[in-house]
C-alpha atoms as a PDB file:
ATOM      1  CA  PRO A   1     -16.033 -12.285  -6.166  1.00  0.00           C
ATOM      2  CA  LYS A   2     -16.164 -11.292  -2.430  1.00  0.00           C
ATOM      3  CA  SER A   3     -12.743  -9.127  -2.601  1.00  0.00           C
ATOM      4  CA  ARG A   4     -14.208  -7.468  -5.881  1.00  0.00           C
ATOM      5  CA  ASN A   5     -17.268  -6.451  -3.753  1.00  0.00           C
ATOM      6  CA  VAL A   6     -15.078  -5.200  -1.078  1.00  0.00           C
ATOM      7  CA  ILE A   7     -13.009  -2.829  -4.021  1.00  0.00           C
ATOM      8  CA  ASP A   8     -16.305  -2.005  -5.702  1.00  0.00           C
ATOM      9  CA  GLU A   9     -17.963  -0.445  -2.500  1.00  0.00           C
ATOM     10  CA  GLN A  10     -15.260   0.961  -0.092  1.00  0.00           C
ATOM     11  CA  LEU A  11     -12.360   1.346  -2.258  1.00  0.00           C
ATOM     12  CA  TYR A  12     -13.518   2.352  -5.273  1.00  0.00           C
ATOM     13  CA  ASN A  13     -16.271   4.781  -4.177  1.00  0.00           C
ATOM     14  CA  LEU A  14     -13.938   6.424  -1.973  1.00  0.00           C
ATOM     15  CA  MET A  15     -11.788   7.334  -4.819  1.00  0.00           C
ATOM     16  CA  VAL A  16     -15.001   7.794  -7.003  1.00  0.00           C
ATOM     17  CA  GLU A  17     -15.705  10.541  -4.061  1.00  0.00           C
ATOM     18  CA  LYS A  18     -12.602  11.855  -2.952  1.00  0.00           C
ATOM     19  CA  PRO A  19     -10.775  12.511  -6.256  1.00  0.00           C
ATOM     20  CA  ARG A  20      -7.502  14.271  -5.151  1.00  0.00           C
ATOM     21  CA  ILE A  21      -6.265  10.964  -3.009  1.00  0.00           C
ATOM     22  CA  ARG A  22      -3.499   8.486  -3.908  1.00  0.00           C
ATOM     23  CA  ILE A  23      -3.621   5.304  -2.702  1.00  0.00           C
ATOM     24  CA  GLU A  24      -1.195   2.549  -1.808  1.00  0.00           C
ATOM     25  CA  ILE A  25      -2.460  -1.169  -2.585  1.00  0.00           C
ATOM     26  CA  SER A  26       0.143  -3.332  -0.894  1.00  0.00           C
ATOM     27  CA  SER A  27      -0.178  -7.076  -1.042  1.00  0.00           C
ATOM     28  CA  HIS A  28       1.071  -9.807   1.528  1.00  0.00           C
ATOM     29  CA  THR A  29       1.465 -13.421   1.578  1.00  0.00           C
ATOM     30  CA  ASP A  30       2.190 -16.607   3.698  1.00  0.00           C
ATOM     31  CA  SER A  31       5.943 -17.792   3.985  1.00  0.00           C
ATOM     32  CA  ARG A  32       5.073 -21.436   2.565  1.00  0.00           C
ATOM     33  CA  GLU A  33       6.851 -20.573  -1.356  1.00  0.00           C
ATOM     34  CA  SER A  34      10.245 -19.013  -1.878  1.00  0.00           C
ATOM     35  CA  ASP A  35      10.430 -15.778  -0.555  1.00  0.00           C
ATOM     36  CA  ASP A  36      11.261 -14.801  -4.076  1.00  0.00           C
ATOM     37  CA  TYR A  37       8.358 -16.294  -5.375  1.00  0.00           C
ATOM     38  CA  ASN A  38       6.082 -14.619  -2.651  1.00  0.00           C
ATOM     39  CA  MET A  39       7.691 -11.342  -3.654  1.00  0.00           C
ATOM     40  CA  GLU A  40       6.680 -11.496  -7.194  1.00  0.00           C
ATOM     41  CA  LEU A  41       3.003 -13.155  -6.098  1.00  0.00           C
ATOM     42  CA  SER A  42       2.572 -10.410  -4.131  1.00  0.00           C
ATOM     43  CA  GLN A  43       3.746  -7.630  -6.765  1.00  0.00           C
ATOM     44  CA  ARG A  44       1.158  -9.512  -9.086  1.00  0.00           C
ATOM     45  CA  ARG A  45      -1.589  -9.318  -6.529  1.00  0.00           C
ATOM     46  CA  ALA A  46      -1.459  -5.632  -6.117  1.00  0.00           C
ATOM     47  CA  GLN A  47      -1.300  -5.096  -9.743  1.00  0.00           C
ATOM     48  CA  SER A  48      -4.157  -6.917 -10.942  1.00  0.00           C
ATOM     49  CA  VAL A  49      -6.486  -4.371  -7.990  1.00  0.00           C
ATOM     50  CA  VAL A  50      -4.575  -1.914  -9.735  1.00  0.00           C
ATOM     51  CA  ASP A  51      -5.687  -2.978 -13.231  1.00  0.00           C
ATOM     52  CA  TYR A  52      -9.421  -3.609 -12.024  1.00  0.00           C
ATOM     53  CA  LEU A  53      -9.455   0.000 -10.573  1.00  0.00           C
ATOM     54  CA  VAL A  54      -8.027   1.327 -13.866  1.00  0.00           C
ATOM     55  CA  SER A  55     -10.985  -0.681 -16.055  1.00  0.00           C
ATOM     56  CA  LYS A  56     -13.481   1.244 -14.087  1.00  0.00           C
ATOM     57  CA  GLY A  57     -12.071   4.752 -14.977  1.00  0.00           C
ATOM     58  CA  ILE A  58      -9.749   5.557 -12.160  1.00  0.00           C
ATOM     59  CA  LYS A  59      -6.267   7.370 -13.329  1.00  0.00           C
ATOM     60  CA  ALA A  60      -3.156   4.770 -12.962  1.00  0.00           C
ATOM     61  CA  GLU A  61      -1.494   7.858 -11.705  1.00  0.00           C
ATOM     62  CA  ARG A  62      -4.110   7.996  -8.553  1.00  0.00           C
ATOM     63  CA  LEU A  63      -2.644   4.178  -7.574  1.00  0.00           C
ATOM     64  CA  VAL A  64       0.283   2.421  -6.539  1.00  0.00           C
ATOM     65  CA  ALA A  65       1.119  -1.492  -6.212  1.00  0.00           C
ATOM     66  CA  LYS A  66       3.053  -2.808  -3.944  1.00  0.00           C
ATOM     67  CA  GLY A  67       3.801  -6.392  -3.189  1.00  0.00           C
ATOM     68  CA  TYR A  68       5.764  -6.951   0.284  1.00  0.00           C
ATOM     69  CA  GLY A  69       5.537 -10.741   0.096  1.00  0.00           C
ATOM     70  CA  GLU A  70       6.032 -12.064   3.305  1.00  0.00           C
ATOM     71  CA  SER A  71       8.113  -9.516   5.075  1.00  0.00           C
ATOM     72  CA  ARG A  72       4.757  -7.988   7.033  1.00  0.00           C
ATOM     73  CA  LEU A  73       3.697 -11.367   8.287  1.00  0.00           C
ATOM     74  CA  ARG A  74       0.593 -10.645  10.546  1.00  0.00           C
ATOM     75  CA  GLU A  75       0.680 -14.388  12.373  1.00  0.00           C
ATOM     76  CA  PRO A  76       4.089 -15.429  13.301  1.00  0.00           C
ATOM     77  CA  CYS A  77       4.810 -17.447  10.969  1.00  0.00           C
ATOM     78  CA  PRO A  78       7.939 -17.284   9.086  1.00  0.00           C
ATOM     79  CA  ASN A  79       9.899 -20.087   6.476  1.00  0.00           C
ATOM     80  CA  ASN A  80       9.961 -23.558   8.217  1.00  0.00           C
ATOM     81  CA  VAL A  81       7.799 -22.620  11.132  1.00  0.00           C
ATOM     82  CA  PRO A  82       4.384 -24.439  11.108  1.00  0.00           C
ATOM     83  CA  CYS A  83       1.346 -22.926  11.251  1.00  0.00           C
ATOM     84  CA  SER A  84      -2.037 -23.582  11.016  1.00  0.00           C
ATOM     85  CA  GLU A  85      -4.278 -22.864   7.810  1.00  0.00           C
ATOM     86  CA  GLU A  86      -5.934 -19.981   9.423  1.00  0.00           C
ATOM     87  CA  GLN A  87      -2.718 -17.976  10.462  1.00  0.00           C
ATOM     88  CA  HIS A  88      -1.524 -18.626   6.729  1.00  0.00           C
ATOM     89  CA  SER A  89      -4.867 -17.458   5.539  1.00  0.00           C
ATOM     90  CA  LYS A  90      -4.340 -13.790   8.155  1.00  0.00           C
ATOM     91  CA  ASN A  91      -0.625 -13.435   6.378  1.00  0.00           C
ATOM     92  CA  ARG A  92      -2.660 -13.326   2.652  1.00  0.00           C
ATOM     93  CA  ARG A  93      -4.207 -10.000   2.262  1.00  0.00           C
ATOM     94  CA  THR A  94      -4.238  -7.349   0.177  1.00  0.00           C
ATOM     95  CA  GLU A  95      -4.766  -3.711   1.713  1.00  0.00           C
ATOM     96  CA  PHE A  96      -5.015  -0.235   0.937  1.00  0.00           C
ATOM     97  CA  ARG A  97      -3.250   2.902   2.254  1.00  0.00           C
END
């Protein structure tokens, strides 16, 4: 619900107000699963945001879903490096560009 509110109040409203813009939805994971699994997971997460916006009437051709897995970590927590739950949480995110 919290994420849906951000999508509705910020991203959806922006896309309605500016019907010519295109946006990349990029999702990221932490490094606790395999690289391949995280790449697939992040792609599914990004696609779910695209699907949600399309269900609200935004044209699919204005949206690009891109999963980056654990390739763009915000916190220095690559494979096999001990990190706190807070650090892992910061690496799990979806961004809009």
